[in-house]
């Protein structure tokens, strides 16, 4: 039985075999997820938010240690989290893009409507 991983906000999706990491699925679907460590759970850059109801294999002890304090959130490491069925993944904005988006929103709010 194959799984399906859907990435948001892009809406891209890809069929995967059970046990495929979210990072592997993202790479195959051409969805950029930053990582410095090559997927070895050493850099914490590949953290993503997994939507409730997503079907993942149980979290490993290694990933649990890395996510200390975030275990109850929907945060997972894309290099460690493995699909077991349908998974919906929210990719966070790159910090620089997020800062630019906040600044543009602030500016638009200050400027008011253009008409």
N, C-alpha and C. Protein backbone atom coordinates (compact mmCIF):
# COMPACT_ATOMS: atom_id res chain seq x y z
N UNK A 1 0.84 -1.18 0.00
CA UNK A 1 0.00 0.00 0.00
C UNK A 1 0.89 1.25 0.00
N UNK A 2 0.63 2.15 -0.91
CA UNK A 2 1.41 3.39 -0.99
C UNK A 2 0.78 4.46 -0.13
N UNK A 3 1.61 5.42 0.24
CA UNK A 3 1.15 6.58 0.97
C UNK A 3 1.13 7.78 0.04
N UNK A 4 0.71 8.88 0.57
CA UNK A 4 0.65 10.12 -0.19
C UNK A 4 1.09 11.24 0.74
N UNK A 5 2.04 12.04 0.28
CA UNK A 5 2.50 13.19 1.06
C UNK A 5 2.13 14.44 0.29
N UNK A 6 1.39 15.34 0.97
CA UNK A 6 0.98 16.61 0.37
C UNK A 6 1.69 17.74 1.11
N UNK A 7 2.26 18.65 0.32
CA UNK A 7 3.01 19.76 0.88
C UNK A 7 2.25 21.06 0.70
N UNK A 8 2.17 21.82 1.77
CA UNK A 8 1.46 23.10 1.77
C UNK A 8 2.43 24.21 2.15
N UNK A 9 2.37 25.37 1.57
CA UNK A 9 1.27 25.91 0.78
C UNK A 9 1.34 25.60 -0.72
N UNK A 10 2.35 24.89 -1.20
CA UNK A 10 2.49 24.67 -2.64
C UNK A 10 1.39 23.79 -3.21
N UNK A 11 0.84 22.87 -2.41
CA UNK A 11 -0.19 21.96 -2.90
C UNK A 11 0.39 20.78 -3.67
N UNK A 12 1.71 20.69 -3.77
CA UNK A 12 2.32 19.55 -4.46
C UNK A 12 2.13 18.30 -3.64
N UNK A 13 1.99 17.18 -4.34
CA UNK A 13 1.85 15.90 -3.64
C UNK A 13 2.62 14.83 -4.40
N UNK A 14 2.93 13.77 -3.66
CA UNK A 14 3.69 12.67 -4.25
C UNK A 14 3.32 11.38 -3.56
N UNK A 15 3.21 10.31 -4.34
CA UNK A 15 2.97 8.99 -3.77
C UNK A 15 4.31 8.44 -3.28
N UNK A 16 4.26 7.81 -2.11
CA UNK A 16 5.48 7.27 -1.50
C UNK A 16 5.21 5.88 -0.94
N UNK A 17 6.29 5.14 -0.76
CA UNK A 17 6.20 3.87 -0.08
C UNK A 17 6.21 4.13 1.42
N UNK A 18 5.51 3.32 2.20
CA UNK A 18 5.56 3.49 3.66
C UNK A 18 7.01 3.43 4.13
N UNK A 19 7.34 4.33 5.07
CA UNK A 19 8.70 4.40 5.59
C UNK A 19 9.55 5.47 4.93
N UNK A 20 9.04 6.11 3.88
CA UNK A 20 9.75 7.18 3.21
C UNK A 20 9.77 8.41 4.11
N UNK A 21 10.93 9.04 4.27
CA UNK A 21 10.97 10.24 5.09
C UNK A 21 10.30 11.40 4.34
N UNK A 22 9.85 12.36 5.12
CA UNK A 22 9.23 13.54 4.51
C UNK A 22 10.24 14.32 3.70
N UNK A 23 11.50 14.30 4.11
CA UNK A 23 12.55 14.97 3.35
C UNK A 23 12.76 14.30 1.99
N UNK A 24 12.80 12.97 1.97
CA UNK A 24 12.92 12.25 0.69
C UNK A 24 11.74 12.58 -0.21
N UNK A 25 10.53 12.57 0.35
CA UNK A 25 9.33 12.87 -0.43
C UNK A 25 9.39 14.29 -0.98
N UNK A 26 9.84 15.24 -0.16
CA UNK A 26 9.94 16.64 -0.60
C UNK A 26 10.91 16.76 -1.76
N UNK A 27 12.04 16.11 -1.64
CA UNK A 27 13.03 16.18 -2.72
C UNK A 27 12.47 15.62 -4.02
N UNK A 28 11.77 14.50 -3.93
CA UNK A 28 11.17 13.90 -5.14
C UNK A 28 10.07 14.77 -5.72
N UNK A 29 9.38 15.54 -4.86
CA UNK A 29 8.30 16.40 -5.33
C UNK A 29 8.79 17.81 -5.68
N UNK A 30 10.10 18.03 -5.62
CA UNK A 30 10.69 19.36 -5.88
C UNK A 30 10.14 20.43 -4.95
N UNK A 31 10.01 20.05 -3.68
CA UNK A 31 9.60 20.99 -2.63
C UNK A 31 10.83 21.27 -1.79
N UNK A 32 11.30 22.51 -1.77
CA UNK A 32 12.53 22.80 -1.03
C UNK A 32 12.33 22.77 0.49
N UNK A 33 13.16 21.98 1.14
CA UNK A 33 13.25 21.97 2.60
C UNK A 33 14.74 22.10 2.91
N UNK A 34 15.08 23.15 3.67
CA UNK A 34 16.48 23.39 3.98
C UNK A 34 17.02 22.35 4.96
N UNK A 35 18.26 21.98 4.72
CA UNK A 35 18.98 21.10 5.63
C UNK A 35 20.47 21.34 5.43
N UNK A 36 21.20 21.31 6.51
CA UNK A 36 22.65 21.48 6.44
C UNK A 36 23.37 20.16 6.68
N UNK A 37 22.70 19.25 7.35
CA UNK A 37 23.38 18.03 7.80
C UNK A 37 23.18 16.85 6.86
N UNK A 38 22.49 17.07 5.75
CA UNK A 38 22.26 15.98 4.82
C UNK A 38 21.21 14.98 5.28
N UNK A 39 20.38 15.39 6.22
CA UNK A 39 19.30 14.51 6.68
C UNK A 39 19.70 13.59 7.81
N UNK A 40 20.64 14.03 8.64
CA UNK A 40 21.11 13.20 9.75
C UNK A 40 20.62 13.68 11.11
N UNK A 41 19.60 14.50 11.15
CA UNK A 41 19.01 15.02 12.39
C UNK A 41 20.03 15.78 13.23
N UNK A 42 20.95 16.48 12.59
CA UNK A 42 21.98 17.20 13.34
C UNK A 42 21.78 18.71 13.30
N UNK A 43 21.02 19.24 12.34
CA UNK A 43 20.98 20.70 12.20
C UNK A 43 19.65 21.32 12.62
N UNK A 44 18.58 20.57 12.68
CA UNK A 44 17.25 21.05 13.10
C UNK A 44 16.63 22.02 12.08
N UNK A 45 17.24 22.16 10.90
CA UNK A 45 16.73 23.09 9.90
C UNK A 45 15.50 22.56 9.15
N UNK A 46 15.30 21.26 9.16
CA UNK A 46 14.23 20.68 8.34
C UNK A 46 12.92 20.51 9.11
N UNK A 47 12.76 21.26 10.20
CA UNK A 47 11.53 21.09 10.97
C UNK A 47 10.34 21.58 10.15
N UNK A 48 9.27 20.80 10.20
CA UNK A 48 8.04 21.09 9.48
C UNK A 48 6.88 20.87 10.43
N UNK A 49 5.73 21.33 10.06
CA UNK A 49 4.52 21.11 10.85
C UNK A 49 3.67 20.08 10.11
N UNK A 50 3.28 19.05 10.83
CA UNK A 50 2.46 17.99 10.25
C UNK A 50 1.03 18.19 10.74
N UNK A 51 0.10 18.23 9.82
CA UNK A 51 -1.30 18.49 10.18
C UNK A 51 -1.91 17.31 10.93
N UNK A 52 -2.83 17.61 11.84
CA UNK A 52 -3.51 16.54 12.59
C UNK A 52 -4.16 15.55 11.62
N UNK A 53 -4.13 14.29 11.99
CA UNK A 53 -4.71 13.23 11.16
C UNK A 53 -3.72 12.62 10.19
N UNK A 54 -2.54 13.22 10.08
CA UNK A 54 -1.52 12.67 9.18
C UNK A 54 -1.05 11.32 9.70
N UNK A 55 -0.77 10.42 8.77
CA UNK A 55 -0.38 9.06 9.13
C UNK A 55 1.13 8.91 9.02
N UNK A 56 1.79 8.87 10.19
CA UNK A 56 3.24 8.74 10.27
C UNK A 56 3.59 7.54 11.12
N UNK A 57 4.77 6.97 10.85
CA UNK A 57 5.30 5.94 11.73
C UNK A 57 5.61 6.59 13.08
N UNK A 58 5.65 5.83 14.16
CA UNK A 58 5.93 6.41 15.47
C UNK A 58 7.26 7.17 15.48
N UNK A 59 7.30 8.22 16.26
CA UNK A 59 8.50 9.05 16.37
C UNK A 59 9.63 8.24 16.99
N UNK A 60 10.84 8.39 16.45
CA UNK A 60 12.00 7.66 16.96
C UNK A 60 12.54 8.37 18.21
N UNK A 61 13.30 7.64 19.00
CA UNK A 61 13.91 8.24 20.19
C UNK A 61 14.83 9.39 19.80
N UNK A 62 15.58 9.23 18.70
CA UNK A 62 16.49 10.28 18.24
C UNK A 62 15.73 11.56 17.92
N UNK A 63 14.63 11.43 17.17
CA UNK A 63 13.84 12.61 16.82
C UNK A 63 13.21 13.21 18.07
N UNK A 64 12.73 12.38 18.97
CA UNK A 64 12.11 12.87 20.21
C UNK A 64 13.11 13.72 21.01
N UNK A 65 14.36 13.25 21.08
CA UNK A 65 15.40 14.02 21.78
C UNK A 65 15.65 15.36 21.10
N UNK A 66 15.70 15.35 19.78
CA UNK A 66 15.96 16.58 19.03
C UNK A 66 14.82 17.59 19.21
N UNK A 67 13.59 17.09 19.33
CA UNK A 67 12.42 17.96 19.45
C UNK A 67 12.05 18.23 20.90
N UNK A 68 12.95 18.01 21.82
CA UNK A 68 12.66 18.19 23.24
C UNK A 68 11.93 19.51 23.48
N UNK A 69 10.78 19.41 24.11
CA UNK A 69 9.97 20.59 24.37
C UNK A 69 8.91 20.83 23.31
N UNK A 70 9.04 20.21 22.17
CA UNK A 70 8.06 20.38 21.09
C UNK A 70 7.29 19.09 20.81
N UNK A 71 7.45 18.09 21.66
CA UNK A 71 6.84 16.79 21.40
C UNK A 71 5.32 16.86 21.25
N UNK A 72 4.69 17.77 21.99
CA UNK A 72 3.24 17.86 21.94
C UNK A 72 2.72 18.72 20.80
N UNK A 73 3.63 19.38 20.10
CA UNK A 73 3.22 20.19 18.95
C UNK A 73 3.16 19.27 17.73
N UNK A 74 2.86 19.85 16.61
CA UNK A 74 2.82 19.09 15.37
C UNK A 74 4.16 19.16 14.64
N UNK A 75 5.18 19.70 15.29
CA UNK A 75 6.50 19.82 14.67
C UNK A 75 7.16 18.45 14.54
N UNK A 76 7.78 18.24 13.40
CA UNK A 76 8.56 17.03 13.17
C UNK A 76 9.79 17.42 12.35
N UNK A 77 10.80 16.57 12.39
CA UNK A 77 11.97 16.75 11.54
C UNK A 77 11.70 15.98 10.25
N UNK A 78 11.75 16.69 9.12
CA UNK A 78 11.44 16.06 7.84
C UNK A 78 12.40 14.92 7.52
N UNK A 79 13.63 15.01 8.02
CA UNK A 79 14.61 13.96 7.73
C UNK A 79 14.38 12.69 8.56
N UNK A 80 13.55 12.79 9.59
CA UNK A 80 13.32 11.65 10.48
C UNK A 80 11.89 11.11 10.41
N UNK A 81 10.92 11.99 10.21
CA UNK A 81 9.51 11.58 10.18
C UNK A 81 9.25 10.75 8.94
N UNK A 82 8.61 9.60 9.13
CA UNK A 82 8.37 8.66 8.03
C UNK A 82 6.87 8.46 7.82
N UNK A 83 6.48 8.57 6.56
CA UNK A 83 5.07 8.41 6.18
C UNK A 83 4.64 6.96 6.32
N UNK A 84 3.39 6.77 6.74
CA UNK A 84 2.81 5.43 6.74
C UNK A 84 1.50 5.41 5.97
N UNK A 85 1.04 6.57 5.56
CA UNK A 85 -0.21 6.70 4.80
C UNK A 85 -0.26 8.10 4.23
N UNK A 86 -1.41 8.76 4.38
CA UNK A 86 -1.57 10.13 3.88
C UNK A 86 -1.03 11.11 4.92
N UNK A 87 -0.16 12.00 4.46
CA UNK A 87 0.47 12.99 5.34
C UNK A 87 0.34 14.37 4.72
N UNK A 88 -0.10 15.34 5.53
CA UNK A 88 -0.17 16.73 5.10
C UNK A 88 0.89 17.51 5.87
N UNK A 89 1.79 18.15 5.12
CA UNK A 89 2.95 18.82 5.70
C UNK A 89 2.90 20.31 5.36
N UNK A 90 2.98 21.14 6.40
CA UNK A 90 3.10 22.58 6.19
C UNK A 90 4.57 22.96 6.25
N UNK A 91 5.06 23.54 5.16
CA UNK A 91 6.45 23.98 5.07
C UNK A 91 6.51 25.42 5.57
N UNK A 92 7.30 25.68 6.62
CA UNK A 92 7.38 27.07 7.10
C UNK A 92 8.09 27.96 6.10
N UNK A 93 7.73 29.23 6.13
CA UNK A 93 8.41 30.20 5.28
C UNK A 93 9.87 30.33 5.70
N UNK A 94 10.72 30.50 4.74
CA UNK A 94 12.12 30.81 5.01
C UNK A 94 12.13 32.06 5.90
N UNK A 95 12.97 32.13 6.92
CA UNK A 95 12.96 33.27 7.84
C UNK A 95 13.10 34.63 7.14
N UNK A 96 13.91 34.72 6.12
CA UNK A 96 14.07 35.98 5.40
C UNK A 96 12.78 36.34 4.67
N UNK A 97 12.17 35.36 4.00
CA UNK A 97 10.91 35.63 3.30
C UNK A 97 9.81 36.01 4.29
N UNK A 98 9.80 35.35 5.45
CA UNK A 98 8.80 35.67 6.47
C UNK A 98 8.97 37.10 6.96
N UNK A 99 10.21 37.54 7.16
CA UNK A 99 10.47 38.91 7.61
C UNK A 99 10.03 39.92 6.55
N UNK A 100 10.31 39.63 5.28
CA UNK A 100 9.89 40.52 4.19
C UNK A 100 8.37 40.58 4.13
N UNK A 101 7.70 39.43 4.25
CA UNK A 101 6.24 39.40 4.20
C UNK A 101 5.64 40.21 5.35
N UNK A 102 6.20 40.09 6.55
CA UNK A 102 5.71 40.88 7.69
C UNK A 102 5.88 42.38 7.44
N UNK A 103 7.04 42.76 6.90
CA UNK A 103 7.31 44.16 6.62
C UNK A 103 6.36 44.70 5.56
N UNK A 104 6.11 43.94 4.51
CA UNK A 104 5.19 44.37 3.46
C UNK A 104 3.77 44.51 4.01
N UNK A 105 3.36 43.58 4.86
CA UNK A 105 2.03 43.65 5.47
C UNK A 105 1.92 44.89 6.35
N UNK A 106 2.94 45.16 7.14
CA UNK A 106 2.97 46.33 8.01
C UNK A 106 2.88 47.62 7.18
N UNK A 107 3.64 47.65 6.09
CA UNK A 107 3.64 48.83 5.22
C UNK A 107 2.28 49.03 4.58
N UNK A 108 1.67 47.95 4.12
CA UNK A 108 0.35 48.06 3.49
C UNK A 108 -0.69 48.54 4.50
N UNK A 109 -0.55 48.10 5.74
CA UNK A 109 -1.48 48.52 6.80
C UNK A 109 -1.31 50.01 7.07
N UNK A 110 -0.09 50.48 7.11
CA UNK A 110 0.17 51.90 7.37
C UNK A 110 -0.28 52.79 6.22
N UNK A 111 -0.09 52.32 4.98
CA UNK A 111 -0.43 53.10 3.80
C UNK A 111 -1.93 53.15 3.55
N UNK A 112 -2.64 52.15 4.01
CA UNK A 112 -4.07 52.10 3.78
C UNK A 112 -4.38 51.70 2.34
N UNK A 113 -5.66 51.72 1.98
CA UNK A 113 -6.05 51.33 0.61
C UNK A 113 -5.46 52.29 -0.43
N UNK A 114 -5.20 51.74 -1.59
CA UNK A 114 -4.61 52.52 -2.67
C UNK A 114 -5.65 53.24 -3.52
N UNK A 115 -6.91 53.04 -3.29
CA UNK A 115 -7.94 53.69 -4.12
C UNK A 115 -8.70 54.72 -3.39
